[in-house]
Amino acid sequence: EQVIGWISAGTVTQQRIYISRSQVPTQYVFQCEAADTLLPPDTDLVRNFAGVYVPVYSKNLGQTIVGYWSNYVTCVDCRLFNGGVNKKPVWWPIN
């Protein structure tokens, strides 16, 4: 009996490979759109920027803090950048 049609069968395979940092020829550098911003050392003013800027490290002159280098929350918190997470998947190798 003649029929019109075509059938195909196949299998799907999947493979994961793991590479160490030493195997990558160049270092990944994340460039945030904004340069670090120096917020004043006044903690009340720093709180006003909460949710927009995150203090990353302090700028000191001797023992005196003169400000806090800060950047946008989305540039500092990996969970907010493209839906990132900070939990290792269950299938990730131990070492």
PDB file of N, CA and C in Angstrom:
ATOM      1  N   GLU A   1       0.850  -1.166   0.000  1.00  0.00           N
ATOM      2  CA  GLU A   1       0.000   0.000   0.000  1.00  0.00           C
ATOM      3  C   GLU A   1       0.895   1.228   0.000  1.00  0.00           C
ATOM      4  N   GLN A   2       0.648   2.174  -0.867  1.00  0.00           N
ATOM      5  CA  GLN A   2       1.448   3.400  -0.930  1.00  0.00           C
ATOM      6  C   GLN A   2       0.955   4.391   0.120  1.00  0.00           C
ATOM      7  N   VAL A   3       1.939   5.057   0.734  1.00  0.00           N
ATOM      8  CA  VAL A   3       1.622   6.111   1.711  1.00  0.00           C
ATOM      9  C   VAL A   3       2.511   7.310   1.432  1.00  0.00           C
ATOM     10  N   ILE A   4       2.078   8.459   1.879  1.00  0.00           N
ATOM     11  CA  ILE A   4       2.890   9.678   1.760  1.00  0.00           C
ATOM     12  C   ILE A   4       3.334  10.046   3.173  1.00  0.00           C
ATOM     13  N   GLY A   5       4.613  10.172   3.360  1.00  0.00           N
ATOM     14  CA  GLY A   5       5.122  10.527   4.675  1.00  0.00           C
ATOM     15  C   GLY A   5       6.531  10.028   4.878  1.00  0.00           C
ATOM     16  N   TRP A   6       7.114  10.438   5.970  1.00  0.00           N
ATOM     17  CA  TRP A   6       8.484  10.060   6.267  1.00  0.00           C
ATOM     18  C   TRP A   6       8.609   9.977   7.775  1.00  0.00           C
ATOM     19  N   ILE A   7       9.251   8.973   8.248  1.00  0.00           N
ATOM     20  CA  ILE A   7       9.430   8.787   9.678  1.00  0.00           C
ATOM     21  C   ILE A   7      10.917   8.660   9.960  1.00  0.00           C
ATOM     22  N   SER A   8      11.331   9.176  11.096  1.00  0.00           N
ATOM     23  CA  SER A   8      12.736   9.101  11.477  1.00  0.00           C
ATOM     24  C   SER A   8      12.804   8.828  12.971  1.00  0.00           C
ATOM     25  N   ALA A   9      13.810   8.146  13.405  1.00  0.00           N
ATOM     26  CA  ALA A   9      14.006   7.855  14.822  1.00  0.00           C
ATOM     27  C   ALA A   9      15.459   8.152  15.168  1.00  0.00           C
ATOM     28  N   GLY A  10      15.664   8.601  16.358  1.00  0.00           N
ATOM     29  CA  GLY A  10      17.022   8.907  16.791  1.00  0.00           C
ATOM     30  C   GLY A  10      17.073   8.959  18.309  1.00  0.00           C
ATOM     31  N   THR A  11      18.239   9.211  18.822  1.00  0.00           N
ATOM     32  CA  THR A  11      18.401   9.326  20.267  1.00  0.00           C
ATOM     33  C   THR A  11      19.044  10.667  20.583  1.00  0.00           C
ATOM     34  N   VAL A  12      18.757  11.176  21.767  1.00  0.00           N
ATOM     35  CA  VAL A  12      19.348  12.422  22.239  1.00  0.00           C
ATOM     36  C   VAL A  12      20.412  12.063  23.262  1.00  0.00           C
ATOM     37  N   THR A  13      21.584  12.638  23.111  1.00  0.00           N
ATOM     38  CA  THR A  13      22.634  12.423  24.100  1.00  0.00           C
ATOM     39  C   THR A  13      23.035  13.765  24.691  1.00  0.00           C
ATOM     40  N   GLN A  14      23.531  13.727  25.892  1.00  0.00           N
ATOM     41  CA  GLN A  14      23.937  14.941  26.586  1.00  0.00           C
ATOM     42  C   GLN A  14      25.239  14.656  27.307  1.00  0.00           C
ATOM     43  N   GLN A  15      26.109  15.659  27.358  1.00  0.00           N
ATOM     44  CA  GLN A  15      27.386  15.484  28.032  1.00  0.00           C
ATOM     45  C   GLN A  15      27.736  16.782  28.718  1.00  0.00           C
ATOM     46  N   ARG A  16      28.214  16.691  29.944  1.00  0.00           N
ATOM     47  CA  ARG A  16      28.698  17.862  30.659  1.00  0.00           C
ATOM     48  C   ARG A  16      30.204  17.741  30.772  1.00  0.00           C
ATOM     49  N   ILE A  17      30.874  18.852  30.576  1.00  0.00           N
ATOM     50  CA  ILE A  17      32.313  18.864  30.802  1.00  0.00           C
ATOM     51  C   ILE A  17      32.605  19.920  31.851  1.00  0.00           C
ATOM     52  N   TYR A  18      33.604  19.711  32.623  1.00  0.00           N
ATOM     53  CA  TYR A  18      34.002  20.641  33.672  1.00  0.00           C
ATOM     54  C   TYR A  18      35.422  21.089  33.382  1.00  0.00           C
ATOM     55  N   ILE A  19      35.624  22.377  33.468  1.00  0.00           N
ATOM     56  CA  ILE A  19      36.970  22.907  33.268  1.00  0.00           C
ATOM     57  C   ILE A  19      37.350  23.707  34.506  1.00  0.00           C
ATOM     58  N   SER A  20      38.613  23.702  34.799  1.00  0.00           N
ATOM     59  CA  SER A  20      39.088  24.485  35.939  1.00  0.00           C
ATOM     60  C   SER A  20      39.502  25.874  35.442  1.00  0.00           C
ATOM     61  N   ARG A  21      39.612  26.779  36.365  1.00  0.00           N
ATOM     62  CA  ARG A  21      39.993  28.155  36.023  1.00  0.00           C
ATOM     63  C   ARG A  21      41.337  28.195  35.301  1.00  0.00           C
ATOM     64  N   SER A  22      42.241  27.290  35.670  1.00  0.00           N
ATOM     65  CA  SER A  22      43.568  27.287  35.040  1.00  0.00           C
ATOM     66  C   SER A  22      43.508  26.867  33.570  1.00  0.00           C
ATOM     67  N   GLN A  23      42.431  26.203  33.155  1.00  0.00           N
ATOM     68  CA  GLN A  23      42.292  25.774  31.767  1.00  0.00           C
ATOM     69  C   GLN A  23      41.735  26.878  30.869  1.00  0.00           C
ATOM     70  N   VAL A  24      41.253  27.951  31.457  1.00  0.00           N
ATOM     71  CA  VAL A  24      40.690  29.056  30.680  1.00  0.00           C
ATOM     72  C   VAL A  24      41.825  30.019  30.354  1.00  0.00           C
ATOM     73  N   PRO A  25      42.031  30.339  29.057  1.00  0.00           N
ATOM     74  CA  PRO A  25      43.193  31.143  28.690  1.00  0.00           C
ATOM     75  C   PRO A  25      43.141  32.587  29.184  1.00  0.00           C
ATOM     76  N   THR A  26      41.970  33.148  29.353  1.00  0.00           N
ATOM     77  CA  THR A  26      41.874  34.534  29.814  1.00  0.00           C
ATOM     78  C   THR A  26      40.941  34.600  31.010  1.00  0.00           C
ATOM     79  N   GLN A  27      41.097  35.634  31.777  1.00  0.00           N
ATOM     80  CA  GLN A  27      40.225  35.839  32.933  1.00  0.00           C
ATOM     81  C   GLN A  27      38.978  36.592  32.508  1.00  0.00           C
ATOM     82  N   TYR A  28      37.826  36.168  33.018  1.00  0.00           N
ATOM     83  CA  TYR A  28      36.579  36.876  32.750  1.00  0.00           C
ATOM     84  C   TYR A  28      36.549  38.125  33.602  1.00  0.00           C
ATOM     85  N   VAL A  29      36.304  39.259  32.984  1.00  0.00           N
ATOM     86  CA  VAL A  29      36.206  40.515  33.713  1.00  0.00           C
ATOM     87  C   VAL A  29      34.825  41.091  33.458  1.00  0.00           C
ATOM     88  N   PHE A  30      34.063  41.239  34.516  1.00  0.00           N
ATOM     89  CA  PHE A  30      32.732  41.813  34.392  1.00  0.00           C
ATOM     90  C   PHE A  30      32.861  43.325  34.442  1.00  0.00           C
ATOM     91  N   GLN A  31      32.405  43.972  33.410  1.00  0.00           N
ATOM     92  CA  GLN A  31      32.451  45.427  33.358  1.00  0.00           C
ATOM     93  C   GLN A  31      31.065  45.970  33.662  1.00  0.00           C
ATOM     94  N   CYS A  32      30.917  46.597  34.784  1.00  0.00           N
ATOM     95  CA  CYS A  32      29.638  47.201  35.137  1.00  0.00           C
ATOM     96  C   CYS A  32      29.508  48.513  34.378  1.00  0.00           C
ATOM     97  N   GLU A  33      28.272  48.853  34.048  1.00  0.00           N
ATOM     98  CA  GLU A  33      28.041  50.079  33.281  1.00  0.00           C
ATOM     99  C   GLU A  33      28.551  51.312  34.008  1.00  0.00           C
ATOM    100  N   ALA A  34      28.378  51.331  35.314  1.00  0.00           N
ATOM    101  CA  ALA A  34      28.737  52.529  36.084  1.00  0.00           C
ATOM    102  C   ALA A  34      30.070  52.318  36.787  1.00  0.00           C
ATOM    103  N   ALA A  35      30.835  53.383  36.862  1.00  0.00           N
ATOM    104  CA  ALA A  35      32.065  53.326  37.645  1.00  0.00           C
ATOM    105  C   ALA A  35      31.687  53.343  39.117  1.00  0.00           C
ATOM    106  N   ASP A  36      32.595  52.902  39.975  1.00  0.00           N
ATOM    107  CA  ASP A  36      32.307  52.972  41.405  1.00  0.00           C
ATOM    108  C   ASP A  36      32.026  54.412  41.802  1.00  0.00           C
ATOM    109  N   THR A  37      31.100  54.578  42.724  1.00  0.00           N
ATOM    110  CA  THR A  37      30.683  55.889  43.194  1.00  0.00           C
ATOM    111  C   THR A  37      31.109  56.037  44.642  1.00  0.00           C
ATOM    112  N   LEU A  38      31.669  57.176  44.979  1.00  0.00           N
ATOM    113  CA  LEU A  38      32.099  57.424  46.351  1.00  0.00           C
ATOM    114  C   LEU A  38      30.950  58.058  47.122  1.00  0.00           C
ATOM    115  N   LEU A  39      30.393  57.302  48.074  1.00  0.00           N
ATOM    116  CA  LEU A  39      29.347  57.824  48.944  1.00  0.00           C
ATOM    117  C   LEU A  39      29.994  58.435  50.173  1.00  0.00           C
ATOM    118  N   PRO A  40      29.358  59.435  50.771  1.00  0.00           N
ATOM    119  CA  PRO A  40      29.930  60.079  51.951  1.00  0.00           C
ATOM    120  C   PRO A  40      29.986  59.111  53.133  1.00  0.00           C
ATOM    121  N   PRO A  41      30.837  59.393  54.118  1.00  0.00           N
ATOM    122  CA  PRO A  41      30.991  58.482  55.251  1.00  0.00           C
ATOM    123  C   PRO A  41      29.811  58.502  56.222  1.00  0.00           C
ATOM    124  N   ASP A  42      28.874  59.420  56.050  1.00  0.00           N
ATOM    125  CA  ASP A  42      27.697  59.535  56.920  1.00  0.00           C
ATOM    126  C   ASP A  42      26.802  58.304  56.720  1.00  0.00           C
ATOM    127  N   THR A  43      26.655  57.493  57.747  1.00  0.00           N
ATOM    128  CA  THR A  43      25.902  56.245  57.614  1.00  0.00           C
ATOM    129  C   THR A  43      24.426  56.486  57.304  1.00  0.00           C
ATOM    130  N   ASP A  44      23.854  57.597  57.763  1.00  0.00           N
ATOM    131  CA  ASP A  44      22.449  57.886  57.422  1.00  0.00           C
ATOM    132  C   ASP A  44      22.299  58.133  55.926  1.00  0.00           C
ATOM    133  N   LEU A  45      23.252  58.854  55.327  1.00  0.00           N
ATOM    134  CA  LEU A  45      23.195  59.083  53.888  1.00  0.00           C
ATOM    135  C   LEU A  45      23.409  57.788  53.111  1.00  0.00           C
ATOM    136  N   VAL A  46      24.277  56.915  53.602  1.00  0.00           N
ATOM    137  CA  VAL A  46      24.503  55.631  52.948  1.00  0.00           C
ATOM    138  C   VAL A  46      23.216  54.815  52.984  1.00  0.00           C
ATOM    139  N   ARG A  47      22.488  54.865  54.108  1.00  0.00           N
ATOM    140  CA  ARG A  47      21.211  54.152  54.208  1.00  0.00           C
ATOM    141  C   ARG A  47      20.199  54.684  53.204  1.00  0.00           C
ATOM    142  N   ASN A  48      20.253  55.972  52.891  1.00  0.00           N
ATOM    143  CA  ASN A  48      19.330  56.563  51.907  1.00  0.00           C
ATOM    144  C   ASN A  48      19.527  55.961  50.523  1.00  0.00           C
ATOM    145  N   PHE A  49      20.726  55.495  50.238  1.00  0.00           N
ATOM    146  CA  PHE A  49      21.023  54.906  48.937  1.00  0.00           C
ATOM    147  C   PHE A  49      20.755  53.398  48.910  1.00  0.00           C
ATOM    148  N   ALA A  50      20.313  52.821  50.051  1.00  0.00           N
ATOM    149  CA  ALA A  50      20.063  51.377  50.128  1.00  0.00           C
ATOM    150  C   ALA A  50      19.068  50.965  49.052  1.00  0.00           C
ATOM    151  N   GLY A  51      19.353  49.863  48.384  1.00  0.00           N
ATOM    152  CA  GLY A  51      18.503  49.380  47.304  1.00  0.00           C
ATOM    153  C   GLY A  51      18.955  49.875  45.939  1.00  0.00           C
ATOM    154  N   VAL A  52      19.773  50.924  45.925  1.00  0.00           N
ATOM    155  CA  VAL A  52      20.316  51.446  44.675  1.00  0.00           C
ATOM    156  C   VAL A  52      21.819  51.187  44.632  1.00  0.00           C
ATOM    157  N   TYR A  53      22.513  51.627  45.671  1.00  0.00           N
ATOM    158  CA  TYR A  53      23.962  51.428  45.768  1.00  0.00           C
ATOM    159  C   TYR A  53      24.282  50.490  46.926  1.00  0.00           C
ATOM    160  N   VAL A  54      25.356  49.745  46.767  1.00  0.00           N
ATOM    161  CA  VAL A  54      25.860  48.889  47.837  1.00  0.00           C
ATOM    162  C   VAL A  54      27.302  49.299  48.105  1.00  0.00           C
ATOM    163  N   PRO A  55      27.620  49.652  49.359  1.00  0.00           N
ATOM    164  CA  PRO A  55      29.017  49.937  49.671  1.00  0.00           C
ATOM    165  C   PRO A  55      29.859  48.676  49.485  1.00  0.00           C
ATOM    166  N   VAL A  56      30.981  48.818  48.777  1.00  0.00           N
ATOM    167  CA  VAL A  56      31.834  47.675  48.489  1.00  0.00           C
ATOM    168  C   VAL A  56      33.054  47.691  49.399  1.00  0.00           C
ATOM    169  N   TYR A  57      33.689  48.829  49.525  1.00  0.00           N
ATOM    170  CA  TYR A  57      34.821  48.965  50.428  1.00  0.00           C
ATOM    171  C   TYR A  57      34.973  50.427  50.805  1.00  0.00           C
ATOM    172  N   SER A  58      35.685  50.688  51.893  1.00  0.00           N
ATOM    173  CA  SER A  58      35.822  52.060  52.374  1.00  0.00           C
ATOM    174  C   SER A  58      37.049  52.726  51.771  1.00  0.00           C
ATOM    175  N   LYS A  59      36.952  54.050  51.656  1.00  0.00           N
ATOM    176  CA  LYS A  59      38.103  54.857  51.239  1.00  0.00           C
ATOM    177  C   LYS A  59      38.628  55.509  52.508  1.00  0.00           C
ATOM    178  N   ASN A  60      39.877  55.219  52.813  1.00  0.00           N
ATOM    179  CA  ASN A  60      40.459  55.709  54.059  1.00  0.00           C
ATOM    180  C   ASN A  60      41.593  56.684  53.783  1.00  0.00           C
ATOM    181  N   LEU A  61      41.724  57.638  54.683  1.00  0.00           N
ATOM    182  CA  LEU A  61      42.917  58.490  54.764  1.00  0.00           C
ATOM    183  C   LEU A  61      43.496  58.235  56.142  1.00  0.00           C
ATOM    184  N   GLY A  62      44.522  57.425  56.193  1.00  0.00           N
ATOM    185  CA  GLY A  62      45.042  56.990  57.485  1.00  0.00           C
ATOM    186  C   GLY A  62      44.017  56.101  58.157  1.00  0.00           C
ATOM    187  N   GLN A  63      43.629  56.458  59.375  1.00  0.00           N
ATOM    188  CA  GLN A  63      42.637  55.681  60.125  1.00  0.00           C
ATOM    189  C   GLN A  63      41.220  56.221  59.940  1.00  0.00           C
ATOM    190  N   THR A  64      41.056  57.293  59.153  1.00  0.00           N
ATOM    191  CA  THR A  64      39.751  57.938  58.992  1.00  0.00           C
ATOM    192  C   THR A  64      39.069  57.486  57.707  1.00  0.00           C
ATOM    193  N   ILE A  65      37.811  57.062  57.824  1.00  0.00           N
ATOM    194  CA  ILE A  65      37.023  56.706  56.644  1.00  0.00           C
ATOM    195  C   ILE A  65      36.468  58.001  56.051  1.00  0.00           C
ATOM    196  N   VAL A  66      36.794  58.252  54.780  1.00  0.00           N
ATOM    197  CA  VAL A  66      36.324  59.477  54.124  1.00  0.00           C
ATOM    198  C   VAL A  66      35.160  59.192  53.165  1.00  0.00           C
ATOM    199  N   GLY A  67      34.814  57.935  52.989  1.00  0.00           N
ATOM    200  CA  GLY A  67      33.698  57.592  52.121  1.00  0.00           C
ATOM    201  C   GLY A  67      33.662  56.101  51.860  1.00  0.00           C
ATOM    202  N   TYR A  68      32.643  55.677  51.123  1.00  0.00           N
ATOM    203  CA  TYR A  68      32.494  54.268  50.778  1.00  0.00           C
ATOM    204  C   TYR A  68      32.370  54.140  49.268  1.00  0.00           C
ATOM    205  N   TRP A  69      33.307  53.400  48.650  1.00  0.00           N
ATOM    206  CA  TRP A  69      33.187  53.108  47.235  1.00  0.00           C
ATOM    207  C   TRP A  69      32.015  52.155  47.077  1.00  0.00           C
ATOM    208  N   SER A  70      31.075  52.525  46.246  1.00  0.00           N
ATOM    209  CA  SER A  70      29.837  51.772  46.095  1.00  0.00           C
ATOM    210  C   SER A  70      29.518  51.597  44.623  1.00  0.00           C
ATOM    211  N   ASN A  71      28.603  50.686  44.344  1.00  0.00           N
ATOM    212  CA  ASN A  71      28.148  50.506  42.975  1.00  0.00           C
ATOM    213  C   ASN A  71      26.700  50.059  43.014  1.00  0.00           C
ATOM    214  N   TYR A  72      26.069  50.051  41.837  1.00  0.00           N
ATOM    215  CA  TYR A  72      24.676  49.635  41.756  1.00  0.00           C
ATOM    216  C   TYR A  72      24.513  48.230  42.331  1.00  0.00           C
ATOM    217  N   VAL A  73      23.392  47.994  42.975  1.00  0.00           N
ATOM    218  CA  VAL A  73      23.102  46.690  43.554  1.00  0.00           C
ATOM    219  C   VAL A  73      23.238  45.591  42.507  1.00  0.00           C
ATOM    220  N   THR A  74      22.745  45.843  41.289  1.00  0.00           N
ATOM    221  CA  THR A  74      22.790  44.826  40.229  1.00  0.00           C
ATOM    222  C   THR A  74      24.213  44.539  39.760  1.00  0.00           C
ATOM    223  N   CYS A  75      25.151  45.420  40.047  1.00  0.00           N
ATOM    224  CA  CYS A  75      26.544  45.180  39.675  1.00  0.00           C
ATOM    225  C   CYS A  75      27.295  44.421  40.763  1.00  0.00           C
ATOM    226  N   VAL A  76      26.767  44.429  41.980  1.00  0.00           N
ATOM    227  CA  VAL A  76      27.460  43.839  43.110  1.00  0.00           C
ATOM    228  C   VAL A  76      26.873  42.488  43.503  1.00  0.00           C
ATOM    229  N   ASP A  77      25.558  42.345  43.397  1.00  0.00           N
ATOM    230  CA  ASP A  77      24.872  41.132  43.844  1.00  0.00           C
ATOM    231  C   ASP A  77      24.616  40.217  42.652  1.00  0.00           C
ATOM    232  N   CYS A  78      25.339  39.095  42.571  1.00  0.00           N
ATOM    233  CA  CYS A  78      25.240  38.191  41.421  1.00  0.00           C
ATOM    234  C   CYS A  78      23.850  37.591  41.265  1.00  0.00           C
ATOM    235  N   ARG A  79      23.058  37.572  42.342  1.00  0.00           N
ATOM    236  CA  ARG A  79      21.709  37.009  42.246  1.00  0.00           C
ATOM    237  C   ARG A  79      20.790  37.902  41.424  1.00  0.00           C
ATOM    238  N   LEU A  80      21.136  39.166  41.285  1.00  0.00           N
ATOM    239  CA  LEU A  80      20.295  40.109  40.548  1.00  0.00           C
ATOM    240  C   LEU A  80      20.733  40.282  39.099  1.00  0.00           C
ATOM    241  N   PHE A  81      21.896  39.753  38.745  1.00  0.00           N
ATOM    242  CA  PHE A  81      22.425  39.900  37.394  1.00  0.00           C
ATOM    243  C   PHE A  81      21.969  38.723  36.550  1.00  0.00           C
ATOM    244  N   ASN A  82      21.104  38.948  35.617  1.00  0.00           N
ATOM    245  CA  ASN A  82      20.584  37.899  34.721  1.00  0.00           C
ATOM    246  C   ASN A  82      20.040  36.686  35.462  1.00  0.00           C
ATOM    247  N   GLY A  83      19.392  36.918  36.587  1.00  0.00           N
ATOM    248  CA  GLY A  83      18.763  35.815  37.313  1.00  0.00           C
ATOM    249  C   GLY A  83      19.735  34.860  37.962  1.00  0.00           C
ATOM    250  N   GLY A  84      20.913  35.329  38.311  1.00  0.00           N
ATOM    251  CA  GLY A  84      21.929  34.463  38.897  1.00  0.00           C
ATOM    252  C   GLY A  84      21.552  33.962  40.279  1.00  0.00           C
ATOM    253  N   VAL A  85      22.194  32.924  40.695  1.00  0.00           N
ATOM    254  CA  VAL A  85      22.018  32.359  42.030  1.00  0.00           C
ATOM    255  C   VAL A  85      23.389  32.130  42.643  1.00  0.00           C
ATOM    256  N   ASN A  86      23.418  32.033  43.945  1.00  0.00           N
ATOM    257  CA  ASN A  86      24.699  31.790  44.609  1.00  0.00           C
ATOM    258  C   ASN A  86      24.724  30.435  45.304  1.00  0.00           C
ATOM    259  N   LYS A  87      23.961  29.495  44.800  1.00  0.00           N
ATOM    260  CA  LYS A  87      23.959  28.136  45.338  1.00  0.00           C
ATOM    261  C   LYS A  87      24.515  27.170  44.291  1.00  0.00           C
ATOM    262  N   LYS A  88      25.400  26.279  44.748  1.00  0.00           N
ATOM    263  CA  LYS A  88      26.006  25.309  43.849  1.00  0.00           C
ATOM    264  C   LYS A  88      24.960  24.263  43.462  1.00  0.00           C
ATOM    265  N   PRO A  89      24.812  23.950  42.162  1.00  0.00           N
ATOM    266  CA  PRO A  89      23.863  22.907  41.756  1.00  0.00           C
ATOM    267  C   PRO A  89      24.265  21.544  42.316  1.00  0.00           C
ATOM    268  N   VAL A  90      23.281  20.660  42.490  1.00  0.00           N
ATOM    269  CA  VAL A  90      23.561  19.344  43.065  1.00  0.00           C
ATOM    270  C   VAL A  90      24.489  18.520  42.181  1.00  0.00           C
ATOM    271  N   TRP A  91      24.508  18.768  40.883  1.00  0.00           N
ATOM    272  CA  TRP A  91      25.346  17.980  39.978  1.00  0.00           C
ATOM    273  C   TRP A  91      26.757  18.523  39.858  1.00  0.00           C
ATOM    274  N   TRP A  92      27.100  19.611  40.529  1.00  0.00           N
ATOM    275  CA  TRP A  92      28.426  20.218  40.443  1.00  0.00           C
ATOM    276  C   TRP A  92      29.448  19.329  41.115  1.00  0.00           C
ATOM    277  N   PRO A  93      30.641  19.148  40.501  1.00  0.00           N
ATOM    278  CA  PRO A  93      31.634  18.285  41.132  1.00  0.00           C
ATOM    279  C   PRO A  93      32.136  18.864  42.461  1.00  0.00           C
ATOM    280  N   ILE A  94      32.588  18.003  43.331  1.00  0.00           N
ATOM    281  CA  ILE A  94      32.998  18.410  44.681  1.00  0.00           C
ATOM    282  C   ILE A  94      34.270  19.255  44.644  1.00  0.00           C
ATOM    283  N   ASN A  95      35.255  18.886  43.857  1.00  0.00           N
ATOM    284  CA  ASN A  95      36.527  19.622  43.892  1.00  0.00           C
ATOM    285  C   ASN A  95      36.509  20.709  42.936  1.00  0.00           C
TER     286      ASN A  95
END
